[in-house]
Every structure is written in structure tokens, then in C-alpha cells.
């Protein structure tokens, strides 16, 4: 198989360049470099390994555990983890099955009450007795085999119950840094860290927040590279020096979903949630794909971590995916 570029891999496997770099940084995959070629390439063995990682992530196995699984040549630890993971899922499945059984019981009693034109009483003796009966339920059985299409559907179903919140973000002044080239997120991150530390921003604005977004989005430029821009909120009267640029952030209303880094594929789930919402609709930026449609990624606790010089932010990586919305007209 021919070595593939980052752009080709992201399209084939539906992952982001940032996710690939994070996997490489964790040692989960390795890239190769062709002579006189500046960008990362992925050979057949790496692509097969990436497929394994993607399947394990769809099974909701944490990256730290995946790293151990891939290193476990004897596969005894892999087996032990799967057994423990199955036990947890059994408990969750049984709990969900119990809730479904109780709701079905309540639905039947309510339907019967409406048929007889009587008022349904949740605490009626017969209802309580029936609810007590359904507390005894059989163990769920799992299908012996599934394919990737079924796995994707299962993941999509689970992702529908997202904990999305609506957030009003105030306007304010930001210091911006922007870079187009290979690894743009890391490049602007280093510049922003230097700025936060040298300006002592946290001491001047303890509530400072850091946002990022693709600029331009992958696929906009023909050469396969993309850009990234970081914003950090600053006091209105604070001056910034190049390469930082002072800008005004208009703020606004956003649908927000918190994700563990680097699960950026959940952007699709958040977008679907907004599109299907009866109460809100998306308000994308007029530049569209050039600036990620006005969507933002807020790196939680980032300013405090950068101020303290904590490696890898010093905290479990959490990011708020923020999609601009407005109330849907009734």
C-alpha cells in the first residue's frame, strides 16, 4: 500500500489532523518521512494500527487503556480489561433496562386510566406492585457479532443523548495569534503560552479564557495544510506586541458540548443536535469554512495552566465545543 498523507488519512478514516498528531504524541502511532518531503506520511502498518485505535475508541475505551492494550503482546491484560469493561456495561445495560421496564409499566397504567376516564395515580397500590415486579429482570444478552456499520449506528445512538448546554458568552477584548502551516495548533499554542507567562495575564485577569478555531479550515487550501487561531481574553486597556494582535470578540449565544481531548469527531454530533433542535438554529459566520463557521473551541483551565507552566496543561484535557446559535422562530 502506498504511503498516505495526513490529508488523505483524515478523509479515509474521518479523523482530524489534530487527533492524528495527538495519537502520535502519545506514541500510539508513528509517521514516516520521505526524503525531500516536508509532511508526515502514514505507512500500511500505521494505518492498520490506526484502524485498531478507531475501533477501540468507538467501543468507548480510553486512550490510556488503548496504549496498554497495544503494548500487551501476551494479551492477558487486554482480556482482563475487556472482562471488567463488559461487567460495567452489563451494569449500565441492566440499569437502562430497568428504567425502560418501569416506564413501560407506567405507560400501560396511564393508557388504561385514560381509557376508563380515571385519573392516573403514580402511588396507587396496583401501580406500585407492578413497578416492584419489574425490579426483577433477566440479564441482557449481547449479539455474538457486529460489523462496523452497526458499531457506527450504536455510537451515533449513544451520542444523541448529549449534555448540550446553551451559553451566553460576553463580548470582550482578546489577544490573537494566528499561524498557517504544519502543526498550526501547536505553533499558536506555544506563542500564546509565552504571551500569558510574560504578560502575567492571569494575575491581571484571573477569569481570562482561551478560544481556538481553524483558520483556514482543513481542505480550504489546496496544499493540504491549514491554519489555527487562538484568542485569549485580556483587559480592555492591555497592549499587545507582535506577533499578537488585539481584537474585539462580539460574544453571543452558543450551543456548548464539553469533550475530552481529542474527541473532535463529536463536532458532528453537536452540529446534528443543533440542526434537530426545536428551540435553536445555527448562525454560521459569513466566511464559512474559512473560519470554521464561527465555531469555537474553548480550552478549559488553559490560562491558569499556562500561567503555572504546567506541562500538557497540567489537567485532564477538556474542551468546550461552541457552535453559534439563536432562538428558532416559532
C-alpha atoms as a PDB file:
ATOM      1  CA  UNK A   1       0.000   0.000   0.000  1.00  0.00           C
ATOM      2  CA  UNK A   2       1.246   3.481  -0.880  1.00  0.00           C
ATOM      3  CA  UNK A   3       2.118   5.801   1.993  1.00  0.00           C
ATOM      4  CA  UNK A   4      -0.702   8.272   2.658  1.00  0.00           C
ATOM      5  CA  UNK A   5      -0.573  11.943   3.618  1.00  0.00           C
ATOM      6  CA  UNK A   6      -2.327  13.491   6.611  1.00  0.00           C
ATOM      7  CA  UNK A   7      -4.998  14.918   4.318  1.00  0.00           C
ATOM      8  CA  UNK A   8      -5.672  11.508   2.746  1.00  0.00           C
ATOM      9  CA  UNK A   9      -5.829   9.739   6.120  1.00  0.00           C
ATOM     10  CA  UNK A  10      -8.244  12.283   7.596  1.00  0.00           C
ATOM     11  CA  UNK A  11     -10.638  11.802   4.670  1.00  0.00           C
ATOM     12  CA  UNK A  12     -10.432   7.991   4.625  1.00  0.00           C
ATOM     13  CA  UNK A  13     -10.765   7.478   8.387  1.00  0.00           C
ATOM     14  CA  UNK A  14     -12.897  10.557   9.192  1.00  0.00           C
ATOM     15  CA  UNK A  15     -10.489  11.860  11.824  1.00  0.00           C
ATOM     16  CA  UNK A  16      -8.902  15.286  12.290  1.00  0.00           C
ATOM     17  CA  UNK A  17      -5.213  16.156  11.741  1.00  0.00           C
ATOM     18  CA  UNK A  18      -5.128  17.257  15.363  1.00  0.00           C
ATOM     19  CA  UNK A  19      -6.320  13.863  16.527  1.00  0.00           C
ATOM     20  CA  UNK A  20      -3.643  12.126  14.450  1.00  0.00           C
ATOM     21  CA  UNK A  21      -0.916  14.315  15.939  1.00  0.00           C
ATOM     22  CA  UNK A  22      -2.206  13.627  19.432  1.00  0.00           C
ATOM     23  CA  UNK A  23      -2.120   9.872  18.792  1.00  0.00           C
ATOM     24  CA  UNK A  24       1.451  10.238  17.545  1.00  0.00           C
ATOM     25  CA  UNK A  25       2.410  12.335  20.571  1.00  0.00           C
ATOM     26  CA  UNK A  26       1.077   9.596  22.859  1.00  0.00           C
ATOM     27  CA  UNK A  27       3.135   7.023  20.970  1.00  0.00           C
ATOM     28  CA  UNK A  28       0.076   5.207  19.650  1.00  0.00           C
ATOM     29  CA  UNK A  29       1.124   5.622  16.007  1.00  0.00           C
ATOM     30  CA  UNK A  30       4.285   6.606  14.139  1.00  0.00           C
ATOM     31  CA  UNK A  31       4.789   8.504  10.898  1.00  0.00           C
ATOM     32  CA  UNK A  32       7.484   8.181   8.264  1.00  0.00           C
ATOM     33  CA  UNK A  33       9.301  10.919   6.384  1.00  0.00           C
ATOM     34  CA  UNK A  34      10.155  10.717   2.705  1.00  0.00           C
ATOM     35  CA  UNK A  35      13.356  12.427   1.595  1.00  0.00           C
ATOM     36  CA  UNK A  36      12.757  15.975   0.318  1.00  0.00           C
ATOM     37  CA  UNK A  37       9.143  15.817   1.541  1.00  0.00           C
ATOM     38  CA  UNK A  38       8.187  18.043   4.455  1.00  0.00           C
ATOM     39  CA  UNK A  39       4.978  16.444   5.653  1.00  0.00           C
ATOM     40  CA  UNK A  40       4.075  13.355   7.673  1.00  0.00           C
ATOM     41  CA  UNK A  41       3.291  10.116   5.853  1.00  0.00           C
ATOM     42  CA  UNK A  42       1.495   7.037   7.116  1.00  0.00           C
ATOM     43  CA  UNK A  43       2.588   3.553   6.020  1.00  0.00           C
ATOM     44  CA  UNK A  44       0.481   0.392   5.927  1.00  0.00           C
ATOM     45  CA  UNK A  45       1.398  -0.825   9.420  1.00  0.00           C
ATOM     46  CA  UNK A  46       0.489   2.569  10.913  1.00  0.00           C
ATOM     47  CA  UNK A  47      -2.830   2.621   9.076  1.00  0.00           C
ATOM     48  CA  UNK A  48      -3.700  -0.842  10.399  1.00  0.00           C
ATOM     49  CA  UNK A  49      -2.807   0.303  13.898  1.00  0.00           C
ATOM     50  CA  UNK A  50      -4.927   3.435  13.438  1.00  0.00           C
ATOM     51  CA  UNK A  51      -7.883   1.236  12.445  1.00  0.00           C
ATOM     52  CA  UNK A  52      -7.497  -0.673  15.700  1.00  0.00           C
ATOM     53  CA  UNK A  53      -7.437   2.558  17.698  1.00  0.00           C
ATOM     54  CA  UNK A  54     -10.558   3.886  15.966  1.00  0.00           C
ATOM     55  CA  UNK A  55     -12.470   0.661  16.633  1.00  0.00           C
ATOM     56  CA  UNK A  56     -11.419   0.636  20.299  1.00  0.00           C
ATOM     57  CA  UNK A  57     -12.416   4.306  20.698  1.00  0.00           C
ATOM     58  CA  UNK A  58     -15.832   3.557  19.184  1.00  0.00           C
ATOM     59  CA  UNK A  59     -16.117   0.916  21.907  1.00  0.00           C
ATOM     60  CA  UNK A  60     -15.502   3.766  24.376  1.00  0.00           C
ATOM     61  CA  UNK A  61     -12.154   2.505  25.594  1.00  0.00           C
ATOM     62  CA  UNK A  62      -9.945   5.353  26.949  1.00  0.00           C
ATOM     63  CA  UNK A  63      -6.745   6.246  25.095  1.00  0.00           C
ATOM     64  CA  UNK A  64      -4.553   5.422  28.096  1.00  0.00           C
ATOM     65  CA  UNK A  65      -6.017   1.926  28.170  1.00  0.00           C
ATOM     66  CA  UNK A  66      -5.638   1.581  24.397  1.00  0.00           C
ATOM     67  CA  UNK A  67      -1.928   2.355  24.754  1.00  0.00           C
ATOM     68  CA  UNK A  68      -1.599  -0.509  27.253  1.00  0.00           C
ATOM     69  CA  UNK A  69      -3.632  -2.843  25.042  1.00  0.00           C
ATOM     70  CA  UNK A  70      -1.417  -2.184  22.009  1.00  0.00           C
ATOM     71  CA  UNK A  71       1.700  -2.875  24.086  1.00  0.00           C
ATOM     72  CA  UNK A  72       0.300  -6.067  25.603  1.00  0.00           C
ATOM     73  CA  UNK A  73       1.917  -8.756  23.449  1.00  0.00           C
ATOM     74  CA  UNK A  74       0.586 -11.581  25.643  1.00  0.00           C
ATOM     75  CA  UNK A  75      -2.925 -10.043  25.540  1.00  0.00           C
ATOM     76  CA  UNK A  76      -3.653 -11.216  29.079  1.00  0.00           C
ATOM     77  CA  UNK A  77      -4.148  -7.633  30.295  1.00  0.00           C
ATOM     78  CA  UNK A  78      -6.336  -6.978  27.262  1.00  0.00           C
ATOM     79  CA  UNK A  79      -8.582  -9.883  28.241  1.00  0.00           C
ATOM     80  CA  UNK A  80      -8.767  -8.720  31.867  1.00  0.00           C
ATOM     81  CA  UNK A  81      -9.713  -5.209  30.788  1.00  0.00           C
ATOM     82  CA  UNK A  82     -12.407  -6.466  28.389  1.00  0.00           C
ATOM     83  CA  UNK A  83     -13.917  -8.571  31.136  1.00  0.00           C
ATOM     84  CA  UNK A  84     -14.010  -5.604  33.514  1.00  0.00           C
ATOM     85  CA  UNK A  85     -15.372  -3.325  30.773  1.00  0.00           C
ATOM     86  CA  UNK A  86     -18.109  -5.841  29.927  1.00  0.00           C
ATOM     87  CA  UNK A  87     -19.096  -6.037  33.590  1.00  0.00           C
ATOM     88  CA  UNK A  88     -19.513  -2.250  33.700  1.00  0.00           C
ATOM     89  CA  UNK A  89     -21.563  -2.280  30.504  1.00  0.00           C
ATOM     90  CA  UNK A  90     -23.745  -5.085  31.866  1.00  0.00           C
ATOM     91  CA  UNK A  91     -24.495  -2.941  34.915  1.00  0.00           C
ATOM     92  CA  UNK A  92     -25.337   0.063  32.726  1.00  0.00           C
ATOM     93  CA  UNK A  93     -27.470  -2.041  30.386  1.00  0.00           C
ATOM     94  CA  UNK A  94     -29.368  -3.586  33.280  1.00  0.00           C
ATOM     95  CA  UNK A  95     -29.983  -0.150  34.797  1.00  0.00           C
ATOM     96  CA  UNK A  96     -31.300   1.164  31.462  1.00  0.00           C
ATOM     97  CA  UNK A  97     -33.429  -1.935  31.008  1.00  0.00           C
ATOM     98  CA  UNK A  98     -34.922  -1.420  34.469  1.00  0.00           C
ATOM     99  CA  UNK A  99     -35.793   2.196  33.665  1.00  0.00           C
ATOM    100  CA  UNK A 100     -37.379   1.104  30.388  1.00  0.00           C
ATOM    101  CA  UNK A 101     -39.438  -1.601  32.119  1.00  0.00           C
ATOM    102  CA  UNK A 102     -40.711   0.830  34.757  1.00  0.00           C
ATOM    103  CA  UNK A 103     -41.580   3.441  32.111  1.00  0.00           C
ATOM    104  CA  UNK A 104     -43.414   0.780  30.079  1.00  0.00           C
ATOM    105  CA  UNK A 105     -45.343  -0.195  33.195  1.00  0.00           C
ATOM    106  CA  UNK A 106     -46.288   3.429  33.861  1.00  0.00           C
ATOM    107  CA  UNK A 107     -47.269   3.941  30.219  1.00  0.00           C
ATOM    108  CA  UNK A 108     -49.617   0.942  30.349  1.00  0.00           C
ATOM    109  CA  UNK A 109     -51.282   2.124  33.565  1.00  0.00           C
ATOM    110  CA  UNK A 110     -51.683   5.667  32.245  1.00  0.00           C
ATOM    111  CA  UNK A 111     -53.161   4.424  28.955  1.00  0.00           C
ATOM    112  CA  UNK A 112     -55.631   2.240  30.893  1.00  0.00           C
ATOM    113  CA  UNK A 113     -56.604   5.167  33.129  1.00  0.00           C
ATOM    114  CA  UNK A 114     -57.268   7.378  30.116  1.00  0.00           C
ATOM    115  CA  UNK A 115     -59.340   4.621  28.515  1.00  0.00           C
ATOM    116  CA  UNK A 116     -61.534   4.374  31.632  1.00  0.00           C
ATOM    117  CA  UNK A 117     -61.505   8.167  32.076  1.00  0.00           C
ATOM    118  CA  UNK A 118     -59.982   7.921  35.531  1.00  0.00           C
ATOM    119  CA  UNK A 119     -57.062   9.894  36.882  1.00  0.00           C
ATOM    120  CA  UNK A 120     -53.737   8.067  36.970  1.00  0.00           C
ATOM    121  CA  UNK A 121     -52.160   7.869  40.437  1.00  0.00           C
ATOM    122  CA  UNK A 122     -48.451   7.058  40.463  1.00  0.00           C
ATOM    123  CA  UNK A 123     -48.681   5.907  44.095  1.00  0.00           C
ATOM    124  CA  UNK A 124     -51.715   3.645  43.630  1.00  0.00           C
ATOM    125  CA  UNK A 125     -51.161   0.208  45.193  1.00  0.00           C
ATOM    126  CA  UNK A 126     -51.525  -1.721  41.927  1.00  0.00           C
ATOM    127  CA  UNK A 127     -49.055   0.560  40.177  1.00  0.00           C
ATOM    128  CA  UNK A 128     -46.504   0.247  42.959  1.00  0.00           C
ATOM    129  CA  UNK A 129     -46.941  -3.540  42.969  1.00  0.00           C
ATOM    130  CA  UNK A 130     -46.369  -3.732  39.218  1.00  0.00           C
ATOM    131  CA  UNK A 131     -43.290  -1.494  39.461  1.00  0.00           C
ATOM    132  CA  UNK A 132     -41.931  -3.750  42.210  1.00  0.00           C
ATOM    133  CA  UNK A 133     -42.470  -6.789  39.972  1.00  0.00           C
ATOM    134  CA  UNK A 134     -40.372  -5.368  37.143  1.00  0.00           C
ATOM    135  CA  UNK A 135     -37.463  -4.835  39.507  1.00  0.00           C
ATOM    136  CA  UNK A 136     -36.649  -8.476  38.857  1.00  0.00           C
ATOM    137  CA  UNK A 137     -35.293  -8.604  35.327  1.00  0.00           C
ATOM    138  CA  UNK A 138     -33.190 -11.031  33.302  1.00  0.00           C
ATOM    139  CA  UNK A 139     -29.632 -10.353  32.206  1.00  0.00           C
ATOM    140  CA  UNK A 140     -29.207  -8.755  28.818  1.00  0.00           C
ATOM    141  CA  UNK A 141     -27.616 -10.849  26.128  1.00  0.00           C
ATOM    142  CA  UNK A 142     -25.197  -9.407  23.588  1.00  0.00           C
ATOM    143  CA  UNK A 143     -25.169 -10.231  19.890  1.00  0.00           C
ATOM    144  CA  UNK A 144     -22.302 -12.515  19.026  1.00  0.00           C
ATOM    145  CA  UNK A 145     -21.066 -10.418  16.137  1.00  0.00           C
ATOM    146  CA  UNK A 146     -21.390  -6.865  14.839  1.00  0.00           C
ATOM    147  CA  UNK A 147     -19.993  -5.085  11.816  1.00  0.00           C
ATOM    148  CA  UNK A 148     -18.578  -1.562  11.549  1.00  0.00           C
ATOM    149  CA  UNK A 149     -21.845  -0.153  10.222  1.00  0.00           C
ATOM    150  CA  UNK A 150     -23.709  -1.453  13.280  1.00  0.00           C
ATOM    151  CA  UNK A 151     -20.953  -0.119  15.510  1.00  0.00           C
ATOM    152  CA  UNK A 152     -21.243   3.346  13.949  1.00  0.00           C
ATOM    153  CA  UNK A 153     -25.023   3.277  14.406  1.00  0.00           C
ATOM    154  CA  UNK A 154     -24.616   2.297  18.056  1.00  0.00           C
ATOM    155  CA  UNK A 155     -22.153   5.144  18.605  1.00  0.00           C
ATOM    156  CA  UNK A 156     -24.499   7.578  16.868  1.00  0.00           C
ATOM    157  CA  UNK A 157     -27.396   6.441  19.052  1.00  0.00           C
ATOM    158  CA  UNK A 158     -25.388   6.906  22.239  1.00  0.00           C
ATOM    159  CA  UNK A 159     -24.138  10.316  21.110  1.00  0.00           C
ATOM    160  CA  UNK A 160     -27.700  11.561  20.576  1.00  0.00           C
ATOM    161  CA  UNK A 161     -28.157  11.924  24.326  1.00  0.00           C
ATOM    162  CA  UNK A 162     -25.615  14.727  24.517  1.00  0.00           C
ATOM    163  CA  UNK A 163     -25.259  17.007  27.504  1.00  0.00           C
ATOM    164  CA  UNK A 164     -25.517  20.190  25.419  1.00  0.00           C
ATOM    165  CA  UNK A 165     -25.975  23.479  27.238  1.00  0.00           C
ATOM    166  CA  UNK A 166     -26.824  26.948  25.901  1.00  0.00           C
ATOM    167  CA  UNK A 167     -24.352  29.614  26.957  1.00  0.00           C
ATOM    168  CA  UNK A 168     -24.320  33.398  26.538  1.00  0.00           C
ATOM    169  CA  UNK A 169     -20.692  34.483  26.093  1.00  0.00           C
ATOM    170  CA  UNK A 170     -19.987  38.175  26.818  1.00  0.00           C
ATOM    171  CA  UNK A 171     -18.178  40.395  24.342  1.00  0.00           C
ATOM    172  CA  UNK A 172     -14.658  41.483  25.174  1.00  0.00           C
ATOM    173  CA  UNK A 173     -11.132  42.239  24.077  1.00  0.00           C
ATOM    174  CA  UNK A 174      -8.854  39.400  23.013  1.00  0.00           C
ATOM    175  CA  UNK A 175      -5.220  38.929  22.104  1.00  0.00           C
ATOM    176  CA  UNK A 176      -4.994  36.836  18.947  1.00  0.00           C
ATOM    177  CA  UNK A 177      -2.226  34.797  17.358  1.00  0.00           C
ATOM    178  CA  UNK A 178      -2.522  33.042  14.006  1.00  0.00           C
ATOM    179  CA  UNK A 179      -0.378  30.543  12.116  1.00  0.00           C
ATOM    180  CA  UNK A 180      -0.778  28.678   8.817  1.00  0.00           C
ATOM    181  CA  UNK A 181       1.446  25.664   8.222  1.00  0.00           C
ATOM    182  CA  UNK A 182       2.175  22.233   9.613  1.00  0.00           C
ATOM    183  CA  UNK A 183       1.043  21.698  13.227  1.00  0.00           C
ATOM    184  CA  UNK A 184      -0.636  25.137  13.498  1.00  0.00           C
ATOM    185  CA  UNK A 185      -2.349  24.326  16.833  1.00  0.00           C
ATOM    186  CA  UNK A 186       0.995  23.629  18.479  1.00  0.00           C
ATOM    187  CA  UNK A 187       2.581  26.716  16.915  1.00  0.00           C
ATOM    188  CA  UNK A 188      -0.056  29.167  18.178  1.00  0.00           C
ATOM    189  CA  UNK A 189      -0.213  27.322  21.497  1.00  0.00           C
ATOM    190  CA  UNK A 190       3.482  27.974  22.104  1.00  0.00           C
ATOM    191  CA  UNK A 191       3.095  31.640  21.173  1.00  0.00           C
ATOM    192  CA  UNK A 192       0.072  32.011  23.431  1.00  0.00           C
ATOM    193  CA  UNK A 193       1.794  30.289  26.353  1.00  0.00           C
ATOM    194  CA  UNK A 194       4.732  32.672  26.040  1.00  0.00           C
ATOM    195  CA  UNK A 195       2.370  35.642  25.959  1.00  0.00           C
ATOM    196  CA  UNK A 196       0.426  34.506  29.033  1.00  0.00           C
ATOM    197  CA  UNK A 197       3.592  33.942  31.041  1.00  0.00           C
ATOM    198  CA  UNK A 198       5.452  37.098  30.007  1.00  0.00           C
ATOM    199  CA  UNK A 199       2.422  39.382  30.418  1.00  0.00           C
ATOM    200  CA  UNK A 200       1.398  37.782  33.755  1.00  0.00           C
ATOM    201  CA  UNK A 201      -2.099  37.743  32.295  1.00  0.00           C
ATOM    202  CA  UNK A 202      -3.602  35.510  34.975  1.00  0.00           C
ATOM    203  CA  UNK A 203      -2.633  37.998  37.698  1.00  0.00           C
ATOM    204  CA  UNK A 204      -4.291  40.840  35.750  1.00  0.00           C
ATOM    205  CA  UNK A 205      -7.347  38.874  34.619  1.00  0.00           C
ATOM    206  CA  UNK A 206      -7.953  35.676  36.616  1.00  0.00           C
ATOM    207  CA  UNK A 207     -11.110  34.956  34.598  1.00  0.00           C
ATOM    208  CA  UNK A 208      -9.261  35.026  31.258  1.00  0.00           C
ATOM    209  CA  UNK A 209     -10.468  32.403  28.774  1.00  0.00           C
ATOM    210  CA  UNK A 210      -8.783  30.887  25.735  1.00  0.00           C
ATOM    211  CA  UNK A 211     -10.554  30.027  22.482  1.00  0.00           C
ATOM    212  CA  UNK A 212      -9.281  28.496  19.269  1.00  0.00           C
ATOM    213  CA  UNK A 213     -10.565  27.759  15.777  1.00  0.00           C
ATOM    214  CA  UNK A 214      -9.320  26.562  12.396  1.00  0.00           C
ATOM    215  CA  UNK A 215      -8.281  29.474  10.153  1.00  0.00           C
ATOM    216  CA  UNK A 216      -8.480  28.369   7.425  1.00  0.00           C
ATOM    217  CA  UNK A 217     -10.241  25.073   7.900  1.00  0.00           C
ATOM    218  CA  UNK A 218      -8.589  21.890   6.540  1.00  0.00           C
ATOM    219  CA  UNK A 219      -9.488  21.464   2.889  1.00  0.00           C
ATOM    220  CA  UNK A 220      -9.721  25.188   2.092  1.00  0.00           C
ATOM    221  CA  UNK A 221      -6.100  25.416   0.891  1.00  0.00           C
ATOM    222  CA  UNK A 222      -5.026  23.171  -1.979  1.00  0.00           C
ATOM    223  CA  UNK A 223      -1.664  22.226  -0.442  1.00  0.00           C
ATOM    224  CA  UNK A 224      -3.302  20.220   2.345  1.00  0.00           C
ATOM    225  CA  UNK A 225      -2.122  22.413   5.220  1.00  0.00           C
ATOM    226  CA  UNK A 226      -4.425  24.514   7.352  1.00  0.00           C
ATOM    227  CA  UNK A 227      -4.213  27.248   9.943  1.00  0.00           C
ATOM    228  CA  UNK A 228      -5.277  27.814  13.510  1.00  0.00           C
ATOM    229  CA  UNK A 229      -6.015  30.970  15.501  1.00  0.00           C
ATOM    230  CA  UNK A 230      -6.032  31.349  19.284  1.00  0.00           C
ATOM    231  CA  UNK A 231      -7.788  34.073  21.262  1.00  0.00           C
ATOM    232  CA  UNK A 232      -7.260  34.835  24.930  1.00  0.00           C
ATOM    233  CA  UNK A 233      -9.424  37.417  26.683  1.00  0.00           C
ATOM    234  CA  UNK A 234      -7.459  40.369  28.092  1.00  0.00           C
ATOM    235  CA  UNK A 235      -8.223  43.640  29.939  1.00  0.00           C
ATOM    236  CA  UNK A 236      -9.549  46.285  27.531  1.00  0.00           C
ATOM    237  CA  UNK A 237      -6.610  48.630  28.196  1.00  0.00           C
ATOM    238  CA  UNK A 238      -3.915  45.975  27.838  1.00  0.00           C
ATOM    239  CA  UNK A 239      -1.455  46.434  24.984  1.00  0.00           C
ATOM    240  CA  UNK A 240      -0.049  43.518  22.980  1.00  0.00           C
ATOM    241  CA  UNK A 241       3.047  43.293  20.808  1.00  0.00           C
ATOM    242  CA  UNK A 242       3.565  41.338  17.554  1.00  0.00           C
ATOM    243  CA  UNK A 243       3.024  38.563  16.649  1.00  0.00           C
ATOM    244  CA  UNK A 244      -0.045  39.032  18.854  1.00  0.00           C
ATOM    245  CA  UNK A 245      -2.913  41.156  17.526  1.00  0.00           C
ATOM    246  CA  UNK A 246      -5.526  42.922  19.623  1.00  0.00           C
ATOM    247  CA  UNK A 247      -9.115  42.264  18.524  1.00  0.00           C
ATOM    248  CA  UNK A 248     -12.706  42.638  19.688  1.00  0.00           C
ATOM    249  CA  UNK A 249     -14.758  39.497  20.297  1.00  0.00           C
ATOM    250  CA  UNK A 250     -18.512  40.154  19.829  1.00  0.00           C
ATOM    251  CA  UNK A 251     -19.595  37.270  22.068  1.00  0.00           C
ATOM    252  CA  UNK A 252     -23.019  35.767  21.571  1.00  0.00           C
ATOM    253  CA  UNK A 253     -25.132  32.668  22.163  1.00  0.00           C
ATOM    254  CA  UNK A 254     -23.586  29.223  21.722  1.00  0.00           C
ATOM    255  CA  UNK A 255     -24.614  25.594  21.977  1.00  0.00           C
ATOM    256  CA  UNK A 256     -21.824  24.039  24.016  1.00  0.00           C
ATOM    257  CA  UNK A 257     -20.625  20.461  24.426  1.00  0.00           C
ATOM    258  CA  UNK A 258     -17.704  19.501  26.675  1.00  0.00           C
ATOM    259  CA  UNK A 259     -15.428  16.791  25.256  1.00  0.00           C
ATOM    260  CA  UNK A 260     -12.304  15.018  26.479  1.00  0.00           C
ATOM    261  CA  UNK A 261      -9.316  15.871  24.315  1.00  0.00           C
ATOM    262  CA  UNK A 262      -9.026  14.953  21.423  1.00  0.00           C
ATOM    263  CA  UNK A 263     -12.557  13.687  20.638  1.00  0.00           C
ATOM    264  CA  UNK A 264     -13.173  16.343  17.977  1.00  0.00           C
ATOM    265  CA  UNK A 265     -15.340  13.953  15.940  1.00  0.00           C
ATOM    266  CA  UNK A 266     -18.105  14.975  18.369  1.00  0.00           C
ATOM    267  CA  UNK A 267     -18.386  18.236  16.429  1.00  0.00           C
ATOM    268  CA  UNK A 268     -20.617  16.237  14.079  1.00  0.00           C
ATOM    269  CA  UNK A 269     -22.839  15.170  16.979  1.00  0.00           C
ATOM    270  CA  UNK A 270     -23.136  18.747  18.282  1.00  0.00           C
ATOM    271  CA  UNK A 271     -23.977  20.010  14.777  1.00  0.00           C
ATOM    272  CA  UNK A 272     -26.652  17.338  14.436  1.00  0.00           C
ATOM    273  CA  UNK A 273     -28.085  18.276  17.862  1.00  0.00           C
ATOM    274  CA  UNK A 274     -28.423  21.927  16.825  1.00  0.00           C
ATOM    275  CA  UNK A 275     -29.906  21.096  13.422  1.00  0.00           C
ATOM    276  CA  UNK A 276     -32.519  18.861  15.054  1.00  0.00           C
ATOM    277  CA  UNK A 277     -33.268  21.277  17.921  1.00  0.00           C
ATOM    278  CA  UNK A 278     -36.793  22.668  18.093  1.00  0.00           C
ATOM    279  CA  UNK A 279     -35.602  25.686  20.082  1.00  0.00           C
ATOM    280  CA  UNK A 280     -32.337  26.798  18.423  1.00  0.00           C
ATOM    281  CA  UNK A 281     -30.809  27.125  14.965  1.00  0.00           C
ATOM    282  CA  UNK A 282     -27.175  27.638  13.848  1.00  0.00           C
ATOM    283  CA  UNK A 283     -25.825  31.090  12.993  1.00  0.00           C
ATOM    284  CA  UNK A 284     -22.674  30.460  10.993  1.00  0.00           C
ATOM    285  CA  UNK A 285     -20.122  33.162  10.195  1.00  0.00           C
ATOM    286  CA  UNK A 286     -20.339  34.624   6.686  1.00  0.00           C
ATOM    287  CA  UNK A 287     -16.776  33.441   5.967  1.00  0.00           C
ATOM    288  CA  UNK A 288     -17.967  29.869   6.440  1.00  0.00           C
ATOM    289  CA  UNK A 289     -15.260  27.221   6.215  1.00  0.00           C
ATOM    290  CA  UNK A 290     -12.560  29.870   6.233  1.00  0.00           C
ATOM    291  CA  UNK A 291     -13.051  30.388   9.992  1.00  0.00           C
ATOM    292  CA  UNK A 292     -14.816  27.158  10.954  1.00  0.00           C
ATOM    293  CA  UNK A 293     -18.193  28.849  10.506  1.00  0.00           C
ATOM    294  CA  UNK A 294     -17.681  30.939  13.630  1.00  0.00           C
ATOM    295  CA  UNK A 295     -17.486  27.842  15.857  1.00  0.00           C
ATOM    296  CA  UNK A 296     -15.001  27.970  18.724  1.00  0.00           C
ATOM    297  CA  UNK A 297     -13.047  25.515  20.867  1.00  0.00           C
ATOM    298  CA  UNK A 298     -12.564  26.757  24.412  1.00  0.00           C
ATOM    299  CA  UNK A 299      -9.630  25.110  26.172  1.00  0.00           C
ATOM    300  CA  UNK A 300     -10.840  24.847  29.766  1.00  0.00           C
ATOM    301  CA  UNK A 301      -8.457  25.919  32.556  1.00  0.00           C
ATOM    302  CA  UNK A 302      -5.824  26.657  29.915  1.00  0.00           C
ATOM    303  CA  UNK A 303      -4.794  30.168  31.061  1.00  0.00           C
ATOM    304  CA  UNK A 304      -4.230  29.049  34.649  1.00  0.00           C
ATOM    305  CA  UNK A 305      -2.225  26.021  33.499  1.00  0.00           C
ATOM    306  CA  UNK A 306      -0.117  28.103  31.105  1.00  0.00           C
ATOM    307  CA  UNK A 307       0.493  30.683  33.845  1.00  0.00           C
ATOM    308  CA  UNK A 308       1.882  27.949  36.077  1.00  0.00           C
ATOM    309  CA  UNK A 309       3.921  26.368  33.294  1.00  0.00           C
ATOM    310  CA  UNK A 310       2.168  23.039  33.690  1.00  0.00           C
ATOM    311  CA  UNK A 311       3.193  20.551  31.042  1.00  0.00           C
ATOM    312  CA  UNK A 312       0.319  19.412  28.826  1.00  0.00           C
ATOM    313  CA  UNK A 313      -1.902  21.967  30.627  1.00  0.00           C
ATOM    314  CA  UNK A 314      -1.403  20.051  33.891  1.00  0.00           C
ATOM    315  CA  UNK A 315      -5.024  18.905  33.913  1.00  0.00           C
ATOM    316  CA  UNK A 316      -7.097  16.303  32.075  1.00  0.00           C
ATOM    317  CA  UNK A 317      -7.661  17.865  28.664  1.00  0.00           C
ATOM    318  CA  UNK A 318     -11.217  19.180  28.384  1.00  0.00           C
ATOM    319  CA  UNK A 319     -12.527  21.374  25.603  1.00  0.00           C
ATOM    320  CA  UNK A 320     -15.863  23.095  25.100  1.00  0.00           C
ATOM    321  CA  UNK A 321     -17.076  22.824  21.513  1.00  0.00           C
ATOM    322  CA  UNK A 322     -19.063  26.024  20.871  1.00  0.00           C
ATOM    323  CA  UNK A 323     -21.471  26.388  17.946  1.00  0.00           C
ATOM    324  CA  UNK A 324     -23.117  29.825  17.452  1.00  0.00           C
ATOM    325  CA  UNK A 325     -26.907  29.671  17.666  1.00  0.00           C
ATOM    326  CA  UNK A 326     -30.014  31.821  18.028  1.00  0.00           C
ATOM    327  CA  UNK A 327     -33.564  31.006  19.168  1.00  0.00           C
ATOM    328  CA  UNK A 328     -35.509  29.329  16.392  1.00  0.00           C
ATOM    329  CA  UNK A 329     -38.502  31.306  15.192  1.00  0.00           C
ATOM    330  CA  UNK A 330     -41.738  29.646  16.250  1.00  0.00           C
END
